[in-house]
Amino acid sequence: MDPKKKSKILVLATVIIPILIGLLAYYGSINSNQAQVQEIKDAIAKKGGTVTQLIVVNYEDSPFERSGKGNTIYKIIYEKEGKTLTAWYRALNQSSIIREEPAWIFE
């Protein structure tokens, strides 16, 4: 193979492969987030409530004592029997090995 052509292929592969990996990670993250939102809605519905607001919050702004980089913490505002209530959910992500187990706190 011609050295110039080989060089062009190598440069092209060096650019395209990271872009493909990034796209796969991005779409995987979106699907994971959608699954977590559905899991939250299902859990609140089992308690007889309806989710009205779902907010991703920092660990410091939550009642959880511990959390890792592999967790997403949600503040859930929901209604049940005409009352507005708050719940917290620490979800598990696949992005890090530094994480705590999924957990719920209902106020």
N, C-alpha and C. Protein backbone atom coordinates (compact mmCIF):
# COMPACT_ATOMS: atom_id res chain seq x y z
N MET A 1 0.85 -1.18 0.00
CA MET A 1 0.00 0.00 0.00
C MET A 1 0.89 1.24 0.00
N ASP A 2 0.45 2.23 -0.73
CA ASP A 2 1.16 3.50 -0.84
C ASP A 2 1.24 4.16 0.54
N PRO A 3 2.44 4.64 0.96
CA PRO A 3 2.58 5.25 2.29
C PRO A 3 1.66 6.46 2.52
N LYS A 4 1.41 7.27 1.46
CA LYS A 4 0.52 8.42 1.62
C LYS A 4 -0.91 7.96 1.90
N LYS A 5 -1.34 6.95 1.17
CA LYS A 5 -2.69 6.43 1.36
C LYS A 5 -2.83 5.79 2.74
N LYS A 6 -1.80 5.08 3.16
CA LYS A 6 -1.80 4.45 4.48
C LYS A 6 -1.88 5.51 5.57
N SER A 7 -1.18 6.60 5.41
CA SER A 7 -1.18 7.70 6.37
C SER A 7 -2.56 8.35 6.45
N LYS A 8 -3.20 8.56 5.29
CA LYS A 8 -4.53 9.15 5.27
C LYS A 8 -5.55 8.25 5.97
N ILE A 9 -5.46 6.96 5.74
CA ILE A 9 -6.37 6.01 6.38
C ILE A 9 -6.17 6.03 7.90
N LEU A 10 -4.94 6.06 8.33
CA LEU A 10 -4.63 6.10 9.77
C LEU A 10 -5.18 7.37 10.42
N VAL A 11 -4.99 8.51 9.77
CA VAL A 11 -5.50 9.78 10.30
C VAL A 11 -7.03 9.75 10.35
N LEU A 12 -7.64 9.26 9.30
CA LEU A 12 -9.10 9.18 9.24
C LEU A 12 -9.64 8.25 10.34
N ALA A 13 -9.01 7.12 10.53
CA ALA A 13 -9.42 6.17 11.58
C ALA A 13 -9.24 6.79 12.96
N THR A 14 -8.17 7.55 13.15
CA THR A 14 -7.90 8.19 14.43
C THR A 14 -8.97 9.23 14.76
N VAL A 15 -9.58 9.82 13.76
CA VAL A 15 -10.64 10.81 13.98
C VAL A 15 -12.00 10.13 14.12
N ILE A 16 -12.30 9.18 13.27
CA ILE A 16 -13.63 8.57 13.24
C ILE A 16 -13.89 7.65 14.43
N ILE A 17 -12.94 6.85 14.84
CA ILE A 17 -13.16 5.90 15.94
C ILE A 17 -13.54 6.61 17.24
N PRO A 18 -12.83 7.65 17.69
CA PRO A 18 -13.27 8.33 18.92
C PRO A 18 -14.66 8.97 18.80
N ILE A 19 -14.99 9.48 17.61
CA ILE A 19 -16.32 10.06 17.41
C ILE A 19 -17.38 8.98 17.56
N LEU A 20 -17.16 7.82 16.99
CA LEU A 20 -18.12 6.72 17.12
C LEU A 20 -18.27 6.27 18.57
N ILE A 21 -17.18 6.17 19.28
CA ILE A 21 -17.22 5.78 20.70
C ILE A 21 -17.99 6.83 21.50
N GLY A 22 -17.74 8.09 21.22
CA GLY A 22 -18.45 9.17 21.90
C GLY A 22 -19.95 9.13 21.64
N LEU A 23 -20.34 8.88 20.39
CA LEU A 23 -21.77 8.79 20.05
C LEU A 23 -22.42 7.61 20.77
N LEU A 24 -21.74 6.48 20.82
CA LEU A 24 -22.29 5.32 21.52
C LEU A 24 -22.46 5.61 23.02
N ALA A 25 -21.50 6.27 23.62
CA ALA A 25 -21.59 6.62 25.04
C ALA A 25 -22.73 7.61 25.27
N TYR A 26 -22.88 8.57 24.39
CA TYR A 26 -23.94 9.57 24.52
C TYR A 26 -25.32 8.92 24.47
N TYR A 27 -25.55 8.10 23.45
CA TYR A 27 -26.86 7.45 23.32
C TYR A 27 -27.10 6.44 24.44
N GLY A 28 -26.06 5.79 24.92
CA GLY A 28 -26.20 4.89 26.06
C GLY A 28 -26.61 5.65 27.31
N SER A 29 -26.05 6.83 27.50
CA SER A 29 -26.40 7.67 28.64
C SER A 29 -27.85 8.13 28.57
N ILE A 30 -28.30 8.51 27.40
CA ILE A 30 -29.69 8.95 27.22
C ILE A 30 -30.65 7.80 27.55
N ASN A 31 -30.35 6.61 27.04
CA ASN A 31 -31.22 5.46 27.31
C ASN A 31 -31.23 5.11 28.79
N SER A 32 -30.09 5.21 29.44
CA SER A 32 -30.01 4.93 30.87
C SER A 32 -30.86 5.93 31.66
N ASN A 33 -30.78 7.20 31.30
CA ASN A 33 -31.55 8.24 31.98
C ASN A 33 -33.05 8.00 31.79
N GLN A 34 -33.46 7.65 30.59
CA GLN A 34 -34.88 7.39 30.34
C GLN A 34 -35.37 6.20 31.15
N ALA A 35 -34.53 5.18 31.29
CA ALA A 35 -34.90 4.01 32.08
C ALA A 35 -35.05 4.40 33.55
N GLN A 36 -34.16 5.26 34.06
CA GLN A 36 -34.25 5.70 35.45
C GLN A 36 -35.53 6.50 35.69
N VAL A 37 -35.87 7.38 34.76
CA VAL A 37 -37.09 8.18 34.89
C VAL A 37 -38.31 7.28 34.92
N GLN A 38 -38.34 6.28 34.05
CA GLN A 38 -39.48 5.36 34.03
C GLN A 38 -39.54 4.55 35.33
N GLU A 39 -38.38 4.13 35.84
CA GLU A 39 -38.33 3.39 37.10
C GLU A 39 -38.89 4.24 38.25
N ILE A 40 -38.55 5.52 38.27
CA ILE A 40 -39.04 6.43 39.30
C ILE A 40 -40.56 6.58 39.19
N LYS A 41 -41.05 6.81 37.99
CA LYS A 41 -42.50 6.98 37.79
C LYS A 41 -43.26 5.72 38.21
N ASP A 42 -42.71 4.55 37.88
CA ASP A 42 -43.35 3.30 38.26
C ASP A 42 -43.38 3.12 39.78
N ALA A 43 -42.28 3.44 40.45
CA ALA A 43 -42.21 3.29 41.91
C ALA A 43 -43.19 4.23 42.61
N ILE A 44 -43.29 5.47 42.14
CA ILE A 44 -44.22 6.43 42.74
C ILE A 44 -45.66 5.99 42.46
N ALA A 45 -45.93 5.48 41.28
CA ALA A 45 -47.28 5.00 40.94
C ALA A 45 -47.67 3.82 41.83
N LYS A 46 -46.74 2.95 42.16
CA LYS A 46 -47.02 1.82 43.05
C LYS A 46 -47.42 2.30 44.45
N LYS A 47 -46.92 3.48 44.83
CA LYS A 47 -47.29 4.05 46.13
C LYS A 47 -48.57 4.87 46.03
N GLY A 48 -49.17 4.91 44.85
CA GLY A 48 -50.42 5.64 44.67
C GLY A 48 -50.24 7.10 44.32
N GLY A 49 -49.05 7.49 43.90
CA GLY A 49 -48.78 8.89 43.58
C GLY A 49 -48.55 9.12 42.10
N THR A 50 -48.44 10.40 41.77
CA THR A 50 -48.16 10.82 40.40
C THR A 50 -47.02 11.83 40.43
N VAL A 51 -45.97 11.58 39.66
CA VAL A 51 -44.82 12.48 39.61
C VAL A 51 -45.23 13.78 38.94
N THR A 52 -44.94 14.91 39.61
CA THR A 52 -45.22 16.21 39.01
C THR A 52 -43.94 16.93 38.61
N GLN A 53 -42.84 16.61 39.31
CA GLN A 53 -41.57 17.26 38.97
C GLN A 53 -40.43 16.31 39.32
N LEU A 54 -39.44 16.26 38.45
CA LEU A 54 -38.28 15.40 38.63
C LEU A 54 -37.04 16.24 38.39
N ILE A 55 -36.18 16.36 39.42
CA ILE A 55 -35.02 17.24 39.33
C ILE A 55 -33.76 16.45 39.68
N VAL A 56 -32.74 16.56 38.84
CA VAL A 56 -31.44 15.98 39.18
C VAL A 56 -30.71 16.99 40.06
N VAL A 57 -30.25 16.52 41.23
CA VAL A 57 -29.59 17.42 42.19
C VAL A 57 -28.20 16.91 42.52
N ASN A 58 -27.38 17.80 43.05
CA ASN A 58 -26.05 17.42 43.53
C ASN A 58 -26.19 16.64 44.83
N TYR A 59 -25.25 15.79 45.08
CA TYR A 59 -25.23 14.98 46.29
C TYR A 59 -25.35 15.84 47.55
N GLU A 60 -24.68 16.98 47.56
CA GLU A 60 -24.68 17.87 48.73
C GLU A 60 -26.06 18.44 49.02
N ASP A 61 -26.90 18.52 48.01
CA ASP A 61 -28.24 19.09 48.16
C ASP A 61 -29.30 18.02 48.46
N SER A 62 -28.86 16.82 48.75
CA SER A 62 -29.78 15.72 49.01
C SER A 62 -29.63 15.22 50.45
N PRO A 63 -30.58 14.42 50.91
CA PRO A 63 -30.47 13.88 52.27
C PRO A 63 -29.58 12.63 52.36
N PHE A 64 -29.02 12.18 51.26
CA PHE A 64 -28.16 10.99 51.29
C PHE A 64 -26.83 11.32 51.95
N GLU A 65 -26.40 10.42 52.82
CA GLU A 65 -25.13 10.63 53.51
C GLU A 65 -23.93 10.36 52.61
N ARG A 66 -24.13 9.46 51.63
CA ARG A 66 -23.03 9.10 50.74
C ARG A 66 -23.54 8.97 49.32
N SER A 67 -22.66 9.26 48.39
CA SER A 67 -22.95 9.07 46.97
C SER A 67 -21.64 9.08 46.22
N GLY A 68 -21.60 8.44 45.08
CA GLY A 68 -20.39 8.41 44.28
C GLY A 68 -20.60 9.02 42.92
N LYS A 69 -19.53 9.05 42.15
CA LYS A 69 -19.62 9.60 40.79
C LYS A 69 -20.52 8.75 39.91
N GLY A 70 -20.74 7.51 40.30
CA GLY A 70 -21.57 6.61 39.52
C GLY A 70 -23.03 6.64 39.93
N ASN A 71 -23.43 7.65 40.65
CA ASN A 71 -24.83 7.80 41.06
C ASN A 71 -25.41 9.10 40.51
N THR A 72 -26.69 9.05 40.18
CA THR A 72 -27.46 10.26 39.87
C THR A 72 -28.51 10.37 40.96
N ILE A 73 -28.65 11.55 41.55
CA ILE A 73 -29.63 11.74 42.60
C ILE A 73 -30.76 12.60 42.07
N TYR A 74 -31.97 12.08 42.27
CA TYR A 74 -33.18 12.75 41.81
C TYR A 74 -33.99 13.23 43.01
N LYS A 75 -34.50 14.43 42.90
CA LYS A 75 -35.50 14.94 43.83
C LYS A 75 -36.83 14.82 43.09
N ILE A 76 -37.75 14.10 43.71
CA ILE A 76 -39.03 13.82 43.07
C ILE A 76 -40.13 14.53 43.84
N ILE A 77 -40.86 15.39 43.17
CA ILE A 77 -42.05 16.02 43.74
C ILE A 77 -43.23 15.25 43.15
N TYR A 78 -44.09 14.75 44.03
CA TYR A 78 -45.23 13.99 43.54
C TYR A 78 -46.47 14.30 44.37
N GLU A 79 -47.60 13.96 43.78
CA GLU A 79 -48.87 14.18 44.47
C GLU A 79 -49.51 12.83 44.79
N LYS A 80 -50.06 12.78 46.01
CA LYS A 80 -50.76 11.58 46.46
C LYS A 80 -51.91 12.03 47.34
N GLU A 81 -53.11 11.65 46.96
CA GLU A 81 -54.32 11.98 47.72
C GLU A 81 -54.43 13.48 47.99
N GLY A 82 -54.09 14.28 46.98
CA GLY A 82 -54.22 15.73 47.09
C GLY A 82 -53.07 16.42 47.83
N LYS A 83 -52.11 15.66 48.31
CA LYS A 83 -50.96 16.23 49.02
C LYS A 83 -49.74 16.24 48.11
N THR A 84 -48.92 17.28 48.25
CA THR A 84 -47.66 17.34 47.53
C THR A 84 -46.58 16.80 48.44
N LEU A 85 -45.88 15.78 47.97
CA LEU A 85 -44.85 15.10 48.77
C LEU A 85 -43.52 15.11 48.02
N THR A 86 -42.45 14.81 48.77
CA THR A 86 -41.11 14.78 48.19
C THR A 86 -40.47 13.42 48.45
N ALA A 87 -39.79 12.92 47.45
CA ALA A 87 -39.00 11.69 47.58
C ALA A 87 -37.64 11.94 46.94
N TRP A 88 -36.68 11.14 47.34
CA TRP A 88 -35.33 11.22 46.79
C TRP A 88 -34.94 9.83 46.31
N TYR A 89 -34.26 9.78 45.18
CA TYR A 89 -33.82 8.50 44.64
C TYR A 89 -32.36 8.62 44.21
N ARG A 90 -31.55 7.70 44.72
CA ARG A 90 -30.14 7.61 44.31
C ARG A 90 -30.05 6.48 43.30
N ALA A 91 -29.91 6.83 42.03
CA ALA A 91 -29.86 5.85 40.95
C ALA A 91 -28.43 5.40 40.69
N LEU A 92 -28.32 4.23 40.14
CA LEU A 92 -27.03 3.65 39.82
C LEU A 92 -26.73 3.86 38.35
N ASN A 93 -25.58 4.42 38.05
CA ASN A 93 -25.14 4.60 36.66
C ASN A 93 -24.06 3.58 36.35
N GLN A 94 -23.82 3.36 35.11
CA GLN A 94 -22.78 2.42 34.70
C GLN A 94 -21.47 3.13 34.38
N SER A 95 -21.40 4.43 34.67
CA SER A 95 -20.27 5.23 34.23
C SER A 95 -19.06 5.21 35.17
N SER A 96 -19.19 4.65 36.36
CA SER A 96 -18.09 4.72 37.31
C SER A 96 -18.15 3.56 38.28
N ILE A 97 -17.00 3.19 38.81
CA ILE A 97 -16.97 2.16 39.83
C ILE A 97 -17.11 2.77 41.23
N ILE A 98 -17.04 4.10 41.32
CA ILE A 98 -17.21 4.80 42.60
C ILE A 98 -18.68 5.16 42.71
N ARG A 99 -19.45 4.31 43.40
CA ARG A 99 -20.88 4.52 43.49
C ARG A 99 -21.46 3.80 44.70
N GLU A 100 -22.63 4.23 45.08
CA GLU A 100 -23.38 3.61 46.16
C GLU A 100 -24.56 2.87 45.54
N GLU A 101 -25.14 1.97 46.30
CA GLU A 101 -26.30 1.21 45.82
C GLU A 101 -27.51 2.13 45.66
N PRO A 102 -28.41 1.79 44.75
CA PRO A 102 -29.63 2.59 44.60
C PRO A 102 -30.41 2.62 45.92
N ALA A 103 -31.04 3.75 46.20
CA ALA A 103 -31.79 3.89 47.45
C ALA A 103 -32.87 4.94 47.31
N TRP A 104 -33.91 4.81 48.14
CA TRP A 104 -35.03 5.76 48.19
C TRP A 104 -35.10 6.39 49.56
N ILE A 105 -35.51 7.65 49.61
CA ILE A 105 -35.87 8.32 50.84
C ILE A 105 -37.21 9.02 50.57
N PHE A 106 -38.21 8.68 51.37
CA PHE A 106 -39.52 9.32 51.24
C PHE A 106 -39.72 10.22 52.44
N GLU A 107 -40.13 11.45 52.20
CA GLU A 107 -40.37 12.40 53.29
C GLU A 107 -41.84 12.46 53.61
